[in-house]
Protein backbone atom coordinates (compact mmCIF):
# COMPACT_ATOMS: atom_id res chain seq x y z
CA MET A 1 57.29 29.45 3.15
CA PRO A 2 55.58 30.79 6.05
CA ASN A 3 56.81 34.36 7.02
CA THR A 4 55.56 34.48 10.67
CA LYS A 5 55.73 32.31 13.79
CA GLN A 6 51.83 31.95 13.64
CA ALA A 7 52.02 30.78 9.95
CA GLU A 8 54.47 28.12 10.98
CA LYS A 9 52.19 26.90 13.78
CA ARG A 10 49.17 26.85 11.35
CA MET A 11 51.19 24.91 8.76
CA ARG A 12 52.02 22.25 11.56
CA ARG A 13 48.60 22.21 12.75
CA ASP A 14 46.98 21.92 9.20
CA ALA A 15 49.40 19.03 8.52
CA LYS A 16 48.07 17.21 11.51
CA ARG A 17 44.36 17.84 10.69
CA ARG A 18 44.98 16.90 7.05
CA LEU A 19 46.17 13.44 8.06
CA ARG A 20 43.38 13.07 10.58
CA ASN A 21 40.68 14.15 7.94
CA ARG A 22 42.17 11.78 5.33
CA TYR A 23 41.75 8.92 7.69
CA HIS A 24 38.20 9.75 8.05
CA ILE A 25 37.34 10.45 4.50
CA SER A 26 39.26 7.06 3.42
CA ARG A 27 37.12 5.04 5.91
CA MET A 28 33.80 6.50 5.03
CA ARG A 29 34.65 5.97 1.29
CA THR A 30 35.91 2.42 1.79
CA TYR A 31 32.40 1.43 3.54
CA ILE A 32 30.60 3.15 0.88
CA LYS A 33 32.25 1.31 -1.86
CA LYS A 34 31.77 -2.00 0.00
CA PHE A 35 28.13 -1.32 0.28
CA ARG A 36 27.72 -0.25 -3.46
CA LYS A 37 29.51 -3.64 -4.33
CA MET A 38 27.18 -5.72 -2.22
CA VAL A 39 24.26 -3.95 -3.93
CA GLN A 40 25.52 -4.42 -7.25
CA GLY A 41 26.59 -7.93 -6.62
CA GLY A 42 23.02 -8.87 -5.61
CA LYS A 43 23.97 -9.47 -1.95
CA LEU A 44 20.86 -7.54 -0.92
CA GLU A 45 20.27 -9.26 2.48
CA GLU A 46 23.93 -8.82 3.25
CA ALA A 47 23.60 -5.04 2.20
CA LYS A 48 20.58 -4.71 4.34
CA GLN A 49 22.61 -5.64 7.37
CA PHE A 50 25.51 -3.42 6.52
CA LEU A 51 23.72 -0.36 5.83
CA PRO A 52 23.38 0.81 9.47
CA GLU A 53 27.24 0.37 9.95
CA VAL A 54 27.85 2.45 6.89
CA ILE A 55 25.41 5.38 7.99
CA SER A 56 27.04 5.18 11.32
CA VAL A 57 30.65 5.80 9.82
CA ILE A 58 29.24 8.53 7.56
CA TYR A 59 27.61 10.36 10.68
CA HIS A 60 30.78 9.92 12.69
CA THR A 61 32.83 11.44 9.91
CA ALA A 62 30.48 14.42 10.02
CA SER A 63 30.56 14.69 13.83
CA LYS A 64 34.55 15.03 13.52
CA GLY A 65 33.71 18.00 11.13
CA VAL A 66 35.51 16.39 8.19
CA ILE A 67 32.21 16.57 6.11
CA HIS A 68 29.25 18.84 6.63
CA LYS A 69 26.19 17.41 8.37
CA ASN A 70 24.04 17.98 5.21
CA GLU A 71 26.36 16.01 3.19
CA ALA A 72 26.39 13.29 5.56
CA SER A 73 22.58 13.13 5.52
CA ARG A 74 22.72 13.24 1.83
CA ARG A 75 25.05 10.45 1.40
CA ALA A 76 23.03 8.23 3.94
CA SER A 77 19.88 9.19 1.94
CA ARG A 78 21.25 8.18 -1.34
CA LEU A 79 22.64 4.84 -0.04
CA ASN A 80 19.16 4.04 1.53
CA LEU A 81 17.40 4.94 -1.83
CA LEU A 82 19.93 2.80 -3.76
CA LEU A 83 18.97 -0.34 -1.43
CA ASN A 84 15.35 0.36 -1.61
CA LYS A 85 15.45 0.47 -5.42
CA ALA A 86 17.66 -2.67 -5.58
CA LEU A 87 15.12 -4.51 -3.24
CA GLU A 88 12.06 -3.40 -5.10
CA SER A 89 13.62 -4.61 -8.44
CA ALA A 90 14.48 -7.87 -6.96
CA ASN A 91 10.87 -8.18 -5.68
CA LYS A 92 9.45 -7.59 -9.04
CA SER A 93 11.77 -10.22 -10.71
């Protein structure tokens, strides 16, 4: 339990921020999972259309300070790489 008024306020503030951060993280992860499912399911054209939306959600999460901007860039880059590899292997077949 907090010992000072400031610690009490910090607890209240952190609880609100935790809820807000959880919403953004959950939303981002859901979009990423949907995208990965599309790629693994072979729906590459659909995934290609969905990628900008996923990247937008990732950068939006970073803009809120929930994740670091470098983490957002890394996640976006990896998703782009995933799609490109899937498209490349589909073209070879």
